[in-house]
N, C-alpha and C. Protein backbone atom coordinates (compact mmCIF):
# COMPACT_ATOMS: atom_id res chain seq x y z
N MET A 1 -1.77 -11.69 5.54
CA MET A 1 -2.68 -10.71 6.00
C MET A 1 -3.87 -11.32 6.60
N LYS A 2 -4.25 -10.51 7.63
CA LYS A 2 -5.47 -10.96 8.50
C LYS A 2 -6.69 -10.58 7.74
N ARG A 3 -7.72 -11.56 7.47
CA ARG A 3 -8.96 -11.11 6.77
C ARG A 3 -10.00 -10.90 7.72
N LYS A 4 -11.24 -10.34 7.27
CA LYS A 4 -12.22 -10.11 8.22
C LYS A 4 -12.77 -11.44 8.91
N ASN A 5 -12.97 -11.19 10.23
CA ASN A 5 -13.50 -12.25 11.11
C ASN A 5 -15.00 -12.40 10.86
N ALA A 6 -15.59 -13.31 11.73
CA ALA A 6 -17.04 -13.30 11.70
C ALA A 6 -17.88 -12.12 12.06
N ASP A 7 -17.30 -11.21 12.92
CA ASP A 7 -17.97 -10.02 13.28
C ASP A 7 -17.68 -8.87 12.30
N GLY A 8 -17.00 -9.15 11.12
CA GLY A 8 -16.85 -8.02 10.10
C GLY A 8 -15.55 -7.25 10.47
N VAL A 9 -14.74 -7.66 11.29
CA VAL A 9 -13.58 -6.80 11.74
C VAL A 9 -12.41 -7.34 11.06
N GLY A 10 -11.63 -6.37 10.16
CA GLY A 10 -10.62 -6.83 9.54
C GLY A 10 -9.40 -5.99 9.84
N ASN A 11 -8.34 -6.29 8.97
CA ASN A 11 -7.04 -5.59 9.14
C ASN A 11 -7.01 -4.32 8.38
N TYR A 12 -6.59 -3.24 8.88
CA TYR A 12 -6.48 -1.76 8.25
C TYR A 12 -5.80 -1.98 6.94
N ASP A 13 -4.58 -2.84 7.03
CA ASP A 13 -3.70 -3.02 5.89
C ASP A 13 -4.28 -3.79 4.66
N ASP A 14 -5.36 -4.49 4.81
CA ASP A 14 -6.03 -5.04 3.83
C ASP A 14 -6.74 -4.08 2.75
N ALA A 15 -7.14 -2.99 3.21
CA ALA A 15 -7.95 -2.04 2.44
C ALA A 15 -7.30 -0.82 2.00
N PHE A 16 -6.49 -0.31 2.77
CA PHE A 16 -5.91 1.04 2.62
C PHE A 16 -4.49 1.13 1.87
N SER A 17 -4.34 1.97 1.20
CA SER A 17 -3.03 2.24 0.39
C SER A 17 -2.30 3.56 1.24
N PRO A 18 -0.95 3.39 1.45
CA PRO A 18 -0.25 4.37 2.02
C PRO A 18 -0.26 5.77 1.14
N VAL A 19 -0.48 6.75 1.68
CA VAL A 19 -0.53 8.00 1.14
C VAL A 19 0.39 9.01 1.87
N PRO A 20 0.96 10.00 1.28
CA PRO A 20 1.93 10.83 1.93
C PRO A 20 1.26 11.96 2.71
N ALA A 21 1.83 12.31 3.70
CA ALA A 21 1.23 13.42 4.50
C ALA A 21 1.36 14.61 3.72
N ALA A 22 0.49 15.53 3.98
CA ALA A 22 0.59 16.95 3.24
C ALA A 22 1.92 17.45 3.40
N SER A 23 2.66 17.28 4.55
CA SER A 23 3.88 17.89 4.57
C SER A 23 4.94 17.25 3.72
N GLY A 24 4.72 15.81 3.29
CA GLY A 24 5.47 15.37 2.20
C GLY A 24 5.37 16.16 0.71
N PHE A 25 4.27 16.54 0.45
CA PHE A 25 4.03 17.13 -0.78
C PHE A 25 4.68 18.59 -0.84
N ARG A 26 4.39 19.28 0.54
CA ARG A 26 5.05 20.41 0.71
C ARG A 26 6.54 20.45 0.63
N THR A 27 7.17 19.32 1.11
CA THR A 27 8.60 19.25 1.06
C THR A 27 9.04 19.05 -0.27
N ILE A 28 8.27 18.27 -1.06
CA ILE A 28 8.64 18.21 -2.49
C ILE A 28 8.68 19.37 -3.31
N LEU A 29 7.74 20.11 -3.06
CA LEU A 29 7.49 21.39 -3.70
C LEU A 29 8.42 22.44 -3.30
N SER A 30 8.80 22.40 -1.84
CA SER A 30 9.89 23.42 -1.48
C SER A 30 11.11 22.99 -1.96
N LEU A 31 11.48 21.81 -2.01
CA LEU A 31 12.85 21.27 -2.62
C LEU A 31 12.91 21.74 -4.11
N ALA A 32 11.71 21.56 -4.91
CA ALA A 32 11.68 21.84 -6.29
C ALA A 32 12.04 23.41 -6.46
N THR A 33 11.44 24.05 -5.71
CA THR A 33 11.63 25.48 -5.73
C THR A 33 13.01 25.95 -5.47
N GLN A 34 13.58 25.49 -4.29
CA GLN A 34 14.90 25.66 -3.84
C GLN A 34 15.89 25.37 -4.92
N LEU A 35 15.80 24.07 -5.57
CA LEU A 35 16.65 23.57 -6.53
C LEU A 35 16.38 23.95 -7.86
N ASP A 36 15.40 24.69 -8.10
CA ASP A 36 14.95 25.23 -9.48
C ASP A 36 14.66 23.90 -10.38
N MET A 37 13.88 23.02 -9.76
CA MET A 37 13.41 21.83 -10.46
C MET A 37 12.00 21.91 -11.04
N PHE A 38 11.99 21.19 -12.36
CA PHE A 38 10.82 21.12 -12.93
C PHE A 38 9.79 20.30 -12.13
N THR A 39 8.39 20.79 -11.96
CA THR A 39 7.47 20.08 -11.29
C THR A 39 6.15 19.77 -12.28
N ASP A 40 5.59 18.52 -12.11
CA ASP A 40 4.50 18.28 -12.98
C ASP A 40 3.53 17.29 -12.14
N HIS A 41 2.45 17.17 -12.62
CA HIS A 41 1.38 16.34 -11.96
C HIS A 41 0.78 15.32 -13.01
N VAL A 42 0.73 14.04 -12.76
CA VAL A 42 0.22 13.14 -13.52
C VAL A 42 -1.01 12.40 -12.83
N ASP A 43 -2.12 12.10 -13.49
CA ASP A 43 -3.23 11.33 -12.98
C ASP A 43 -3.27 10.01 -13.86
N ILE A 44 -3.08 8.85 -13.11
CA ILE A 44 -3.15 7.69 -13.95
C ILE A 44 -4.49 7.33 -14.27
N SER A 45 -4.80 7.01 -15.48
CA SER A 45 -6.24 6.65 -15.95
C SER A 45 -6.55 5.40 -15.53
N GLN A 46 -7.66 5.08 -14.95
CA GLN A 46 -8.27 3.73 -14.54
C GLN A 46 -7.08 2.90 -13.91
N ALA A 47 -6.39 3.56 -12.89
CA ALA A 47 -5.20 3.04 -12.16
C ALA A 47 -5.63 1.64 -11.60
N PHE A 48 -6.81 1.53 -10.95
CA PHE A 48 -7.21 0.44 -9.91
C PHE A 48 -7.23 -0.84 -10.85
N VAL A 49 -7.72 -0.74 -11.97
CA VAL A 49 -7.91 -1.86 -12.89
C VAL A 49 -6.61 -2.33 -13.59
N GLN A 50 -5.42 -1.38 -13.35
CA GLN A 50 -4.07 -1.76 -13.92
C GLN A 50 -3.40 -2.49 -12.86
N GLY A 51 -3.90 -2.43 -11.59
CA GLY A 51 -3.11 -3.37 -10.47
C GLY A 51 -3.42 -4.82 -10.67
N GLU A 52 -2.80 -5.51 -9.76
CA GLU A 52 -3.05 -6.96 -9.66
C GLU A 52 -3.68 -7.28 -8.53
N LEU A 53 -4.51 -8.27 -8.63
CA LEU A 53 -5.25 -8.69 -7.35
C LEU A 53 -4.16 -9.22 -6.29
N LEU A 54 -4.47 -8.84 -4.98
CA LEU A 54 -3.55 -9.29 -3.87
C LEU A 54 -3.88 -10.77 -3.57
N PRO A 55 -2.72 -11.48 -3.09
CA PRO A 55 -2.86 -12.88 -2.82
C PRO A 55 -4.06 -13.23 -1.91
N GLY A 56 -4.27 -12.40 -0.92
CA GLY A 56 -5.22 -12.60 0.13
C GLY A 56 -6.66 -12.34 -0.30
N ASP A 57 -6.91 -11.81 -1.47
CA ASP A 57 -8.29 -11.29 -2.05
C ASP A 57 -9.16 -12.56 -2.32
N GLY A 58 -10.43 -12.50 -2.00
CA GLY A 58 -11.34 -13.54 -2.34
C GLY A 58 -11.08 -14.73 -1.56
N HIS A 59 -11.68 -15.82 -2.32
CA HIS A 59 -11.47 -17.24 -1.64
C HIS A 59 -10.55 -17.88 -2.34
N ASN A 60 -9.41 -18.30 -1.65
CA ASN A 60 -8.20 -19.09 -2.04
C ASN A 60 -7.49 -18.10 -3.20
N GLY A 61 -7.43 -16.79 -3.14
CA GLY A 61 -6.91 -15.99 -4.06
C GLY A 61 -7.82 -15.69 -5.40
N ASN A 62 -9.01 -16.14 -5.31
CA ASN A 62 -9.93 -15.94 -6.50
C ASN A 62 -11.19 -15.01 -5.95
N VAL A 63 -11.57 -14.11 -6.89
CA VAL A 63 -12.59 -13.22 -6.53
C VAL A 63 -13.63 -13.45 -7.65
N TYR A 64 -14.90 -13.77 -7.31
CA TYR A 64 -15.89 -14.17 -8.42
C TYR A 64 -16.97 -13.04 -8.02
N ILE A 65 -17.68 -12.70 -9.18
CA ILE A 65 -18.59 -11.68 -9.29
C ILE A 65 -19.93 -12.24 -9.98
N SER A 66 -21.02 -11.45 -9.78
CA SER A 66 -22.21 -11.79 -10.56
C SER A 66 -22.09 -11.08 -11.92
N ALA A 67 -22.85 -11.47 -12.89
CA ALA A 67 -22.77 -10.83 -14.30
C ALA A 67 -23.22 -9.28 -14.07
N PRO A 68 -22.41 -8.60 -14.94
CA PRO A 68 -22.64 -7.12 -15.04
C PRO A 68 -23.99 -6.69 -15.26
N PRO A 69 -24.37 -5.49 -14.70
CA PRO A 69 -25.89 -4.98 -15.20
C PRO A 69 -26.07 -5.09 -16.56
N GLY A 70 -27.26 -5.48 -16.94
CA GLY A 70 -27.56 -5.56 -18.42
C GLY A 70 -27.35 -7.03 -19.08
N TYR A 71 -26.67 -7.86 -18.37
CA TYR A 71 -26.28 -9.11 -18.88
C TYR A 71 -27.05 -10.15 -18.04
N GLU A 72 -27.61 -11.08 -18.84
CA GLU A 72 -28.37 -12.14 -17.99
C GLU A 72 -27.50 -13.27 -17.45
N GLU A 73 -27.98 -13.56 -16.23
CA GLU A 73 -27.09 -14.57 -15.46
C GLU A 73 -27.31 -15.85 -16.01
N ASP A 74 -26.14 -16.45 -16.32
CA ASP A 74 -26.05 -17.76 -17.08
C ASP A 74 -25.69 -18.84 -15.88
N PRO A 75 -26.35 -19.69 -15.44
CA PRO A 75 -26.06 -20.71 -14.40
C PRO A 75 -24.77 -21.54 -14.71
N LEU A 76 -24.41 -21.55 -16.06
CA LEU A 76 -23.25 -22.49 -16.49
C LEU A 76 -21.96 -21.70 -16.49
N ASN A 77 -22.08 -20.33 -16.17
CA ASN A 77 -20.80 -19.45 -16.28
C ASN A 77 -20.66 -18.90 -14.93
N VAL A 78 -19.41 -18.88 -14.59
CA VAL A 78 -18.86 -18.17 -13.38
C VAL A 78 -17.92 -17.07 -13.77
N TYR A 79 -18.05 -15.79 -13.26
CA TYR A 79 -17.19 -14.78 -13.58
C TYR A 79 -16.22 -14.63 -12.55
N ARG A 80 -14.84 -14.78 -12.96
CA ARG A 80 -13.61 -14.55 -11.88
C ARG A 80 -13.00 -13.31 -12.50
N LEU A 81 -12.84 -12.46 -11.51
CA LEU A 81 -11.96 -11.25 -11.79
C LEU A 81 -10.65 -11.50 -11.95
N LEU A 82 -9.84 -10.71 -13.02
CA LEU A 82 -8.51 -10.94 -13.25
C LEU A 82 -7.78 -9.69 -12.67
N LYS A 83 -8.54 -8.63 -12.58
CA LYS A 83 -7.95 -7.45 -12.08
C LYS A 83 -8.83 -6.74 -11.07
N PRO A 84 -8.34 -5.85 -10.15
CA PRO A 84 -9.24 -5.29 -8.91
C PRO A 84 -10.28 -4.25 -9.79
N LEU A 85 -11.39 -4.19 -9.18
CA LEU A 85 -12.29 -3.15 -9.57
C LEU A 85 -12.37 -2.04 -8.62
N TYR A 86 -12.83 -0.97 -9.14
CA TYR A 86 -12.89 0.43 -8.28
C TYR A 86 -13.57 0.29 -6.92
N ARG A 87 -14.64 -0.54 -6.89
CA ARG A 87 -15.34 -0.69 -5.43
C ARG A 87 -14.90 -1.70 -4.49
N MET A 88 -13.90 -2.43 -5.05
CA MET A 88 -13.31 -3.42 -4.10
C MET A 88 -12.55 -2.74 -2.99
N THR A 89 -12.66 -3.22 -1.76
CA THR A 89 -12.00 -2.65 -0.61
C THR A 89 -10.52 -2.56 -0.64
N SER A 90 -10.13 -3.62 -1.31
CA SER A 90 -8.54 -3.80 -1.48
C SER A 90 -7.96 -3.20 -2.78
N ALA A 91 -8.73 -2.43 -3.76
CA ALA A 91 -8.37 -1.98 -4.90
C ALA A 91 -7.13 -1.01 -4.89
N ALA A 92 -7.35 0.08 -3.86
CA ALA A 92 -6.20 1.07 -3.83
C ALA A 92 -4.87 0.30 -3.34
N ARG A 93 -5.03 -0.50 -2.27
CA ARG A 93 -3.84 -1.40 -1.89
C ARG A 93 -3.15 -2.01 -2.82
N ALA A 94 -4.04 -2.77 -3.80
CA ALA A 94 -3.47 -3.38 -4.95
C ALA A 94 -2.80 -2.55 -5.89
N TRP A 95 -3.32 -1.46 -6.18
CA TRP A 95 -2.71 -0.61 -7.04
C TRP A 95 -1.29 -0.05 -6.53
N HIS A 96 -1.32 0.22 -5.35
CA HIS A 96 -0.05 0.66 -4.67
C HIS A 96 0.95 -0.41 -4.55
N THR A 97 0.68 -1.46 -4.37
CA THR A 97 1.54 -2.69 -4.44
C THR A 97 2.17 -2.84 -5.88
N THR A 98 1.30 -2.98 -6.86
CA THR A 98 1.72 -3.03 -8.27
C THR A 98 2.66 -1.93 -8.73
N MET A 99 2.22 -0.69 -8.46
CA MET A 99 2.88 0.62 -8.66
C MET A 99 4.38 0.57 -7.95
N SER A 100 4.35 0.09 -6.75
CA SER A 100 5.71 0.11 -5.92
C SER A 100 6.56 -0.81 -6.45
N ALA A 101 6.18 -2.04 -6.87
CA ALA A 101 6.83 -3.06 -7.44
C ALA A 101 7.47 -2.60 -8.72
N PHE A 102 6.75 -1.82 -9.64
CA PHE A 102 7.19 -1.27 -10.86
C PHE A 102 8.42 -0.38 -10.49
N LEU A 103 7.98 0.73 -9.58
CA LEU A 103 9.08 1.73 -9.31
C LEU A 103 10.39 1.04 -8.76
N GLN A 104 10.37 0.18 -7.93
CA GLN A 104 11.53 -0.61 -7.45
C GLN A 104 12.33 -1.23 -8.64
N ARG A 105 11.54 -1.90 -9.49
CA ARG A 105 12.22 -2.52 -10.58
C ARG A 105 13.13 -1.46 -11.50
N GLU A 106 12.39 -0.26 -11.59
CA GLU A 106 13.03 0.85 -12.36
C GLU A 106 14.16 1.55 -11.69
N GLY A 107 14.43 1.02 -10.39
CA GLY A 107 15.60 1.72 -9.60
C GLY A 107 15.29 2.73 -8.70
N CYS A 108 14.00 2.96 -8.48
CA CYS A 108 13.51 4.02 -7.46
C CYS A 108 13.60 3.37 -6.08
N GLU A 109 13.81 4.22 -5.02
CA GLU A 109 13.75 3.78 -3.77
C GLU A 109 12.87 4.75 -2.99
N THR A 110 12.30 4.23 -1.85
CA THR A 110 11.51 5.08 -0.97
C THR A 110 12.32 6.06 -0.26
N VAL A 111 11.63 7.18 -0.06
CA VAL A 111 12.27 8.36 0.79
C VAL A 111 12.05 8.05 2.23
N GLU A 112 13.07 7.62 2.95
CA GLU A 112 13.08 7.49 4.36
C GLU A 112 11.75 6.69 4.86
N PHE A 113 11.03 7.08 5.54
CA PHE A 113 9.86 6.40 6.18
C PHE A 113 8.61 6.44 5.34
N GLU A 114 8.60 7.25 4.32
CA GLU A 114 7.44 7.50 3.49
C GLU A 114 7.19 6.42 2.39
N LYS A 115 6.39 5.50 2.62
CA LYS A 115 6.14 4.40 1.57
C LYS A 115 5.51 4.80 0.27
N SER A 116 4.91 6.17 0.13
CA SER A 116 4.52 6.65 -1.10
C SER A 116 5.30 7.73 -1.75
N MET A 117 6.57 7.97 -1.16
CA MET A 117 7.29 9.09 -1.68
C MET A 117 8.61 8.36 -2.35
N TRP A 118 8.98 8.64 -3.38
CA TRP A 118 10.10 7.93 -4.18
C TRP A 118 11.17 8.77 -4.65
N LYS A 119 12.47 8.30 -4.79
CA LYS A 119 13.52 9.11 -5.42
C LYS A 119 14.13 8.23 -6.27
N VAL A 120 14.81 8.85 -7.34
CA VAL A 120 15.69 8.16 -8.32
C VAL A 120 16.63 9.14 -9.03
N THR A 121 17.71 8.68 -9.47
CA THR A 121 18.52 9.75 -10.24
C THR A 121 18.68 9.11 -11.58
N ILE A 122 18.51 9.69 -12.72
CA ILE A 122 18.45 9.08 -14.01
C ILE A 122 19.46 10.15 -14.83
N ASP A 123 20.57 9.72 -15.30
CA ASP A 123 21.55 10.49 -16.10
C ASP A 123 21.96 11.89 -15.31
N GLY A 124 22.08 11.69 -14.20
CA GLY A 124 22.37 12.86 -13.33
C GLY A 124 21.27 13.79 -12.99
N HIS A 125 20.16 13.41 -13.35
CA HIS A 125 18.84 14.26 -13.02
C HIS A 125 18.08 13.53 -11.80
N ARG A 126 17.89 14.34 -10.72
CA ARG A 126 17.09 14.03 -9.57
C ARG A 126 15.84 13.93 -9.92
N ILE A 127 14.95 12.92 -9.43
CA ILE A 127 13.60 12.79 -9.61
C ILE A 127 12.94 12.46 -8.24
N LEU A 128 12.14 13.31 -7.66
CA LEU A 128 11.33 13.09 -6.62
C LEU A 128 9.81 12.89 -7.03
N LEU A 129 9.29 11.67 -6.49
CA LEU A 129 7.99 11.38 -6.88
C LEU A 129 6.97 11.16 -5.65
N GLY A 130 5.96 11.89 -5.52
CA GLY A 130 4.89 11.66 -4.49
C GLY A 130 3.85 11.08 -5.01
N ALA A 131 3.29 9.93 -4.56
CA ALA A 131 2.04 9.22 -5.03
C ALA A 131 0.97 9.26 -3.99
N HIS A 132 -0.13 10.01 -4.53
CA HIS A 132 -1.32 9.95 -3.75
C HIS A 132 -2.28 9.09 -4.46
N ILE A 133 -2.42 7.74 -4.21
CA ILE A 133 -3.39 6.80 -4.88
C ILE A 133 -2.83 6.77 -6.29
N ASP A 134 -3.70 7.50 -7.19
CA ASP A 134 -3.42 7.45 -8.55
C ASP A 134 -2.97 8.88 -9.14
N ASP A 135 -2.56 9.61 -8.30
CA ASP A 135 -2.03 11.01 -8.68
C ASP A 135 -0.61 11.15 -8.20
N PHE A 136 0.23 11.56 -8.99
CA PHE A 136 1.66 11.77 -8.93
C PHE A 136 2.09 13.18 -9.09
N VAL A 137 2.90 13.57 -8.18
CA VAL A 137 3.62 14.98 -8.28
C VAL A 137 5.00 14.77 -8.29
């Protein structure tokens, strides 16, 4: 991935997570209605900190931060992140990458060109999944 240059210009793919178009969600709801399928919504709690840092994050793959507010800075300690934080520009992308890898391991595959729409059949039951960052339908 291309990182920011000296002018502060970076690659769009570094920071943003694919999200489905509104028509994708309408399609899922239309299919669910037509096929008399059950629909549900899930919001993943603290999704970004459940992702894995991306290989291009930080310096040589390491992200360092200052001590959290309320903690005194200790010159002998360096704080290295192990997981993305919410205000990091790549946190949504890191979550999407981690979630996508998990869904693929579980046998899901993307729906045509939509990188954030998934399908799987389990015990004869069809499951369609639309992911908008940390919300699933």
